[in-house]
Protein backbone atom coordinates (compact mmCIF):
# COMPACT_ATOMS: atom_id res chain seq x y z
CA MET A 1 -7.90 5.75 23.77
CA LYS A 2 -5.10 3.53 24.92
CA LYS A 3 -1.55 4.65 24.23
CA GLU A 4 1.45 2.36 24.75
CA LYS A 5 5.02 1.87 23.62
CA PHE A 6 5.23 -0.58 20.75
CA GLY A 7 8.97 -0.71 20.19
CA THR A 8 11.98 1.16 18.80
CA THR A 9 13.12 1.60 15.17
CA LYS A 10 16.59 0.69 13.97
CA ASP A 11 17.30 4.47 14.07
CA GLY A 12 16.35 4.63 17.76
CA LYS A 13 12.91 6.25 17.35
CA GLU A 14 10.25 5.22 19.81
CA VAL A 15 7.10 3.80 18.15
CA THR A 16 3.75 4.27 19.88
CA ARG A 17 0.63 2.13 19.45
CA TYR A 18 -2.76 3.76 19.76
CA THR A 19 -5.89 1.67 20.34
CA LEU A 20 -9.43 3.05 19.91
CA GLU A 21 -12.49 1.18 21.19
CA ASN A 22 -16.09 2.07 20.41
CA ALA A 23 -19.28 1.55 22.39
CA ASN A 24 -19.77 -1.94 20.85
CA GLY A 25 -16.36 -3.32 21.80
CA MET A 26 -14.89 -2.95 18.31
CA LYS A 27 -11.23 -1.99 18.61
CA VAL A 28 -8.70 -0.69 16.10
CA SER A 29 -4.98 -0.24 16.74
CA PHE A 30 -2.46 1.95 14.85
CA ILE A 31 1.21 2.82 15.12
CA ASP A 32 2.86 6.13 14.35
CA LEU A 33 5.43 4.30 12.26
CA GLY A 34 3.70 4.56 8.88
CA ALA A 35 0.27 5.49 10.33
CA VAL A 36 -0.34 1.77 9.87
CA ILE A 37 -3.48 -0.14 10.98
CA THR A 38 -2.08 -3.10 12.99
CA ASN A 39 -5.26 -4.67 14.33
CA ILE A 40 -9.05 -4.52 13.80
CA TRP A 41 -11.16 -6.56 16.28
CA VAL A 42 -14.78 -7.02 15.16
CA PRO A 43 -17.55 -9.39 16.30
CA ASP A 44 -18.98 -12.30 14.39
CA ARG A 45 -22.75 -13.06 14.38
CA ASP A 46 -22.38 -14.67 17.87
CA GLY A 47 -20.57 -11.66 19.29
CA HIS A 48 -17.10 -13.30 19.28
CA LEU A 49 -14.28 -10.84 18.56
CA ASP A 50 -11.46 -11.66 16.18
CA ASP A 51 -8.64 -9.53 14.79
CA VAL A 52 -9.48 -9.58 11.08
CA VAL A 53 -6.42 -7.97 9.45
CA HIS A 54 -2.87 -9.22 8.73
CA GLY A 55 -0.01 -7.60 10.53
CA TYR A 56 3.12 -8.01 12.70
CA ASP A 57 3.96 -8.12 16.38
CA ASP A 58 7.15 -6.01 16.24
CA VAL A 59 8.60 -2.80 14.87
CA ALA A 60 11.37 -4.52 12.89
CA SER A 61 8.84 -6.33 10.71
CA TYR A 62 6.90 -3.11 10.06
CA GLU A 63 10.15 -1.47 8.97
CA VAL A 64 10.27 -4.02 6.13
CA ASN A 65 6.56 -4.83 5.58
CA GLU A 66 6.98 -5.77 1.91
CA PRO A 67 3.25 -6.71 1.54
CA SER A 68 2.23 -3.32 2.98
CA PHE A 69 0.03 -4.83 5.71
CA GLY A 70 -2.32 -2.15 7.01
CA ALA A 71 -0.38 0.55 5.27
CA PRO A 72 -1.43 3.90 3.93
CA VAL A 73 0.21 3.95 0.47
CA GLY A 74 1.48 7.10 -1.21
CA ARG A 75 2.40 9.25 -2.90
CA CYS A 76 1.11 7.03 -5.65
CA ALA A 77 -0.46 3.67 -4.93
CA ASN A 78 -0.31 0.81 -7.38
CA ARG A 79 1.81 0.59 -10.54
CA ILE A 80 3.43 3.23 -12.71
CA SER A 81 4.75 1.71 -15.95
CA ASP A 82 8.46 1.85 -16.75
CA GLY A 83 9.00 3.77 -13.50
CA HIS A 84 8.61 7.16 -15.10
CA PHE A 85 6.14 9.91 -15.91
CA VAL A 86 6.13 13.41 -17.41
CA ILE A 87 4.61 16.57 -15.89
CA ASN A 88 4.89 19.98 -17.54
CA GLY A 89 7.43 18.59 -20.00
CA VAL A 90 9.75 17.30 -17.26
CA GLU A 91 10.42 13.55 -16.97
CA TYR A 92 10.61 12.04 -13.49
CA LYS A 93 12.27 8.63 -13.02
CA LEU A 94 11.10 6.45 -10.16
CA ASP A 95 12.28 3.24 -8.53
CA GLN A 96 11.58 0.15 -10.62
CA ASN A 97 10.79 -2.21 -7.73
CA ASP A 98 8.23 -4.47 -9.52
CA SER A 99 9.83 -5.70 -12.72
CA THR A 100 10.04 -2.46 -14.74
CA ASN A 101 7.15 -0.88 -12.82
CA CYS A 102 7.26 1.49 -9.83
CA LEU A 103 4.94 -0.21 -7.34
CA HIS A 104 3.45 1.80 -4.38
CA SER A 105 5.99 4.59 -5.02
CA GLY A 106 9.15 2.47 -4.85
CA TYR A 107 11.49 1.36 -2.16
CA LEU A 108 11.01 4.28 0.22
CA ARG A 109 7.36 3.98 1.20
CA PHE A 110 5.13 6.27 3.26
CA ASN A 111 4.64 3.44 5.77
CA TYR A 112 8.32 3.59 6.66
CA MET A 113 7.97 7.20 7.86
CA MET A 114 7.29 8.48 11.37
CA TYR A 115 4.12 10.56 11.84
CA GLU A 116 2.86 13.11 14.30
CA ALA A 117 -0.35 11.88 16.01
CA GLU A 118 -3.30 13.81 17.38
CA TYR A 119 -6.33 12.31 19.19
CA GLU A 120 -9.78 13.82 19.53
CA LYS A 121 -13.01 12.44 20.93
CA GLY A 122 -16.12 13.47 19.04
CA ASP A 123 -19.86 12.79 19.21
CA GLY A 124 -20.27 9.04 18.65
CA GLU A 125 -16.75 8.71 17.25
CA GLN A 126 -13.06 8.82 18.11
CA VAL A 127 -10.61 10.51 15.79
CA LEU A 128 -6.88 9.88 15.33
CA THR A 129 -4.96 11.98 12.87
CA PHE A 130 -1.46 11.23 11.55
CA SER A 131 0.42 13.93 9.67
CA ARG A 132 3.81 14.65 8.10
CA VAL A 133 5.47 16.54 5.29
CA SER A 134 6.89 14.74 2.25
CA PRO A 135 9.69 16.94 0.93
CA ASP A 136 10.26 17.78 -2.68
CA GLY A 137 12.01 14.88 -4.40
CA GLU A 138 11.02 12.24 -1.84
CA GLN A 139 10.48 8.95 -3.75
CA HIS A 140 11.57 11.07 -6.80
CA PHE A 141 8.24 12.92 -6.96
CA PRO A 142 8.10 16.68 -7.49
CA GLY A 143 6.76 19.12 -4.91
CA THR A 144 6.60 19.33 -1.13
CA PHE A 145 3.46 17.42 -0.19
CA THR A 146 1.97 18.19 3.22
CA TYR A 147 -0.62 15.62 4.15
CA SER A 148 -2.60 13.88 6.87
CA ILE A 149 -4.39 10.59 7.35
CA THR A 150 -7.35 10.77 9.71
CA TYR A 151 -9.04 7.64 11.14
CA HIS A 152 -12.54 7.90 12.59
CA LEU A 153 -13.81 4.94 14.64
CA THR A 154 -17.58 5.35 15.01
CA ASP A 155 -20.15 3.65 17.27
CA ASP A 156 -21.69 2.32 14.03
CA ASN A 157 -18.65 0.00 13.67
CA GLU A 158 -17.26 2.11 10.85
CA LEU A 159 -13.61 2.89 10.33
CA ILE A 160 -13.56 6.05 8.20
CA ILE A 161 -10.31 7.11 6.54
CA GLU A 162 -9.78 10.64 5.24
CA TYR A 163 -6.70 11.65 3.32
CA ASP A 164 -5.98 15.34 2.97
CA GLY A 165 -3.00 17.09 1.43
CA VAL A 166 -1.61 19.91 -0.63
CA SER A 167 1.55 20.26 -2.78
CA ASP A 168 3.56 23.38 -3.64
CA ALA A 169 4.17 22.04 -7.17
CA ASP A 170 2.27 19.95 -9.65
CA THR A 171 2.74 16.29 -8.68
CA VAL A 172 1.16 12.84 -8.71
CA VAL A 173 -0.96 11.75 -5.74
CA ASN A 174 -3.04 8.58 -5.42
CA MET A 175 -3.25 7.36 -1.81
CA THR A 176 -4.98 4.23 -0.50
CA ASN A 177 -5.01 1.85 2.41
CA HIS A 178 -3.58 -1.66 1.96
CA SER A 179 -5.20 -3.63 4.81
CA TYR A 180 -5.51 -7.37 4.26
CA PHE A 181 -8.85 -8.67 5.56
CA ASN A 182 -9.94 -12.15 6.62
CA LEU A 183 -13.50 -12.20 8.03
CA GLY A 184 -13.51 -15.93 8.68
CA LYS A 185 -13.20 -17.95 11.89
CA GLY A 186 -10.07 -16.84 13.69
CA GLY A 187 -9.81 -13.66 11.62
CA HIS A 188 -6.20 -13.17 10.43
CA LYS A 189 -5.35 -16.64 11.79
CA GLY A 190 -8.02 -18.26 9.61
CA GLU A 191 -8.07 -20.23 6.44
CA GLN A 192 -7.97 -18.91 2.86
CA ILE A 193 -10.51 -16.25 1.87
CA LEU A 194 -11.55 -18.13 -1.29
CA ASN A 195 -14.84 -18.98 0.41
CA HIS A 196 -15.63 -15.30 1.14
CA GLU A 197 -18.44 -13.83 -0.98
CA VAL A 198 -17.98 -10.52 -2.70
CA LYS A 199 -20.23 -8.03 -4.48
CA ILE A 200 -18.64 -5.20 -6.43
CA PHE A 201 -20.75 -2.37 -7.78
CA ALA A 202 -19.00 -2.18 -11.13
CA ASP A 203 -20.05 -3.04 -14.68
CA ARG A 204 -16.51 -2.65 -16.01
CA TYR A 205 -12.95 -3.36 -15.07
CA ASN A 206 -9.46 -2.60 -16.42
CA PRO A 207 -7.70 -5.59 -18.01
CA VAL A 208 -3.99 -5.83 -17.28
CA ASN A 209 -0.95 -6.95 -19.27
CA ASP A 210 1.80 -9.39 -18.23
CA LEU A 211 3.34 -6.66 -16.02
CA LEU A 212 0.00 -6.28 -14.16
CA TYR A 213 -0.69 -2.69 -15.07
CA PRO A 214 -3.80 -1.82 -17.07
CA THR A 215 -3.78 -1.83 -20.86
CA GLY A 216 -6.03 1.24 -20.94
CA GLU A 217 -9.13 -0.69 -21.87
CA PHE A 218 -12.51 -0.56 -20.17
CA ALA A 219 -13.94 -4.05 -20.43
CA ASP A 220 -17.41 -5.29 -19.49
CA VAL A 221 -17.39 -7.72 -16.54
CA GLU A 222 -20.26 -9.78 -17.97
CA GLY A 223 -19.22 -13.29 -18.90
CA THR A 224 -15.79 -12.96 -17.21
CA PRO A 225 -14.27 -13.94 -13.86
CA PHE A 226 -14.61 -10.27 -12.91
CA ASP A 227 -18.42 -10.25 -12.74
CA PHE A 228 -19.16 -9.62 -9.07
CA ARG A 229 -22.38 -7.60 -9.68
CA GLU A 230 -24.10 -10.17 -7.52
CA PHE A 231 -22.56 -11.97 -4.57
CA LYS A 232 -20.03 -14.55 -5.77
CA VAL A 233 -17.57 -16.78 -3.96
CA ILE A 234 -14.09 -15.34 -4.53
CA GLY A 235 -12.68 -18.71 -5.48
CA THR A 236 -15.29 -19.53 -8.12
CA ASP A 237 -13.03 -18.85 -11.07
CA VAL A 238 -9.65 -19.33 -9.38
CA VAL A 239 -7.64 -22.27 -10.89
CA SER A 240 -4.27 -22.78 -9.19
CA ASP A 241 -2.98 -25.49 -11.54
CA LYS A 242 -0.51 -23.68 -13.81
CA SER A 243 -0.76 -26.48 -16.40
CA SER A 244 -4.51 -25.95 -16.82
CA PRO A 245 -5.69 -23.92 -19.79
CA ASP A 246 -8.03 -22.20 -17.31
CA TYR A 247 -5.24 -21.17 -14.90
CA PHE A 248 -6.25 -18.08 -13.00
CA LYS A 249 -4.34 -17.46 -9.74
CA GLY A 250 -6.51 -14.69 -8.38
CA TYR A 251 -7.34 -11.02 -8.50
CA ASP A 252 -5.19 -7.92 -8.66
CA HIS A 253 -7.42 -5.75 -10.81
CA ASN A 254 -9.09 -2.30 -10.75
CA PHE A 255 -12.85 -2.13 -10.99
CA VAL A 256 -14.44 0.99 -12.47
CA LEU A 257 -16.88 2.81 -10.17
CA GLU A 258 -19.42 4.95 -12.06
CA HIS A 259 -20.35 8.06 -10.07
CA GLU A 260 -19.94 11.80 -9.93
CA LYS A 261 -16.59 13.12 -8.75
CA GLY A 262 -16.66 13.58 -4.97
CA GLU A 263 -19.80 11.45 -4.52
CA VAL A 264 -19.48 8.74 -1.84
CA ILE A 265 -20.90 5.40 -3.00
CA THR A 266 -20.90 1.79 -1.95
CA ALA A 267 -18.10 0.15 -3.91
CA ALA A 268 -18.00 -3.42 -2.58
CA ILE A 269 -19.40 -5.74 0.07
CA CYS A 270 -17.53 -8.78 1.39
CA ARG A 271 -19.10 -11.38 3.63
CA GLU A 272 -18.09 -14.69 5.22
CA PRO A 273 -20.83 -17.30 5.55
CA GLN A 274 -19.47 -19.17 8.58
CA THR A 275 -18.96 -16.19 10.88
CA GLY A 276 -21.56 -13.90 9.32
CA ARG A 277 -19.10 -11.02 9.31
CA THR A 278 -19.53 -8.37 6.61
CA LEU A 279 -17.30 -5.59 5.32
CA THR A 280 -18.88 -2.80 3.25
CA VAL A 281 -16.51 -0.42 1.47
CA LEU A 282 -17.66 3.06 0.53
CA THR A 283 -15.55 5.62 -1.26
CA ASP A 284 -15.44 8.82 -3.34
CA GLN A 285 -12.71 7.41 -5.62
CA PRO A 286 -13.19 6.28 -9.25
CA GLY A 287 -11.77 2.81 -8.73
CA ILE A 288 -11.36 -0.09 -6.29
CA GLN A 289 -8.62 -2.71 -6.60
CA MET A 290 -9.51 -6.17 -5.31
CA TYR A 291 -6.34 -8.07 -4.46
CA THR A 292 -6.57 -11.64 -3.21
CA ALA A 293 -2.87 -11.99 -2.45
CA PRO A 294 -2.10 -15.10 -4.55
CA GLU A 295 1.63 -14.43 -4.28
CA LEU A 296 1.71 -14.07 -0.46
CA SER A 297 3.73 -16.93 0.97
CA GLY A 298 5.77 -17.64 4.08
CA GLU A 299 5.21 -14.18 5.60
CA HIS A 300 5.62 -14.44 9.38
CA GLY A 301 2.86 -12.41 10.95
CA LYS A 302 1.16 -11.74 14.27
CA ASP A 303 0.60 -14.47 16.87
CA GLY A 304 3.08 -16.81 15.19
CA VAL A 305 0.90 -17.08 12.06
CA ILE A 306 2.55 -17.69 8.68
CA TYR A 307 0.42 -16.05 5.99
CA GLY A 308 0.03 -18.01 2.80
CA PRO A 309 -1.49 -17.41 -0.63
CA SER A 310 -5.09 -16.11 -0.64
CA SER A 311 -5.03 -15.79 3.14
CA ALA A 312 -6.66 -12.30 2.92
CA VAL A 313 -8.28 -9.91 0.55
CA CYS A 314 -7.59 -6.21 0.01
CA PHE A 315 -10.01 -3.54 -1.20
CA GLU A 316 -7.87 -0.56 -2.28
CA THR A 317 -9.97 2.52 -3.14
CA GLN A 318 -8.01 4.60 -5.65
CA ASN A 319 -7.59 6.41 -8.89
CA PHE A 320 -6.73 3.98 -11.66
CA PRO A 321 -3.29 2.27 -11.77
CA ASN A 322 -0.79 3.94 -14.10
CA ALA A 323 -3.24 6.78 -14.73
CA ILE A 324 -0.35 9.25 -15.15
CA ASN A 325 0.72 7.36 -18.26
CA THR A 326 -2.77 6.48 -19.54
CA PRO A 327 -4.68 9.38 -21.14
CA GLU A 328 -7.95 7.41 -21.15
CA PHE A 329 -7.96 7.24 -17.34
CA PRO A 330 -9.09 9.94 -14.84
CA ASP A 331 -6.53 12.69 -14.34
CA ILE A 332 -4.18 11.91 -11.49
CA VAL A 333 -2.10 15.14 -11.43
CA LEU A 334 -2.51 17.25 -8.28
CA LYS A 335 -2.01 20.88 -9.22
CA ALA A 336 0.06 23.12 -6.99
CA GLY A 337 -2.04 24.60 -4.21
CA GLU A 338 -5.11 22.51 -4.93
CA PRO A 339 -6.42 20.26 -2.09
CA TYR A 340 -6.17 16.49 -2.33
CA ARG A 341 -8.97 14.63 -0.57
CA HIS A 342 -9.86 10.96 -0.54
CA TYR A 343 -12.62 9.47 1.63
CA THR A 344 -13.14 5.81 2.37
CA VAL A 345 -15.29 3.87 4.82
CA PHE A 346 -14.79 0.32 6.04
CA ARG A 347 -18.13 -0.59 7.66
CA PHE A 348 -18.27 -3.83 9.60
CA GLY A 349 -21.39 -5.79 10.47
CA THR A 350 -23.01 -9.22 10.46
CA TYR A 351 -25.80 -10.97 8.56
């Protein structure tokens, strides 16, 4: 494990970057500001390493990080309608930072916080754990939530993410990771991901309304742009011309994963034909959000790159968006004293 100074926050706190490297030369870097993944270097089919995730070169950019590059998102990822919810008869009002929605818990995000870091070397893996305490009322959520985010880099080219936590009061918890992947030539420096091929192991998805949170429906993917049951090029159904009756700018939708609670399944596979890189996503969560970043524009990233629309794809394992206000969706309330656990694997390979 390599440990180095990354920079200093506007409040004068020193930020440290940690880099793990496995037996195959795969490397992953993190910073203790936000427990953010800053870099993932993986080989293509010819053994050439590229950094395949969006990010920044400096602390100041990560202190803003509006797109949530590499960020663990909490307490509640995705959208909560009208920026409010009710638990035990008490209404809680949240930031409305996405039209009338609360998106990724509002303006004060978990990736703006400093974390304690602990490193451990295991058998065939390296483990880096980031932890902190979210006090009662932070982001306007009830309860003191003590949590950790543990990253495992294995010699099988897997990045395993474990989220663990407990609250002293009933609250809402739905954490995820918001890394933006580009498996193409040049990695994060590459062209749009519309040529990437994706397979999602879901027969149903959740349609959204004009405010981009789910309507509460469970719709069949068959015959729709959301049918990824077999490998399909991401851009197949994308129509960027707003004047076209078939206008469809891209994906920001939750796919329904059918499995027993706690069971870890393969949720999605993404591959890039030119480089041969693959990303397999496994999770124990009931949903996975595919986001193709159609709105991303003019974001100044690492290595002088300016990230544009559809320059990366996110696979956010999660409970369903707006589940706290949608009785038809899986329960998202974490009861006081009960453990929260979320398990996700990003497995990299080639074909």
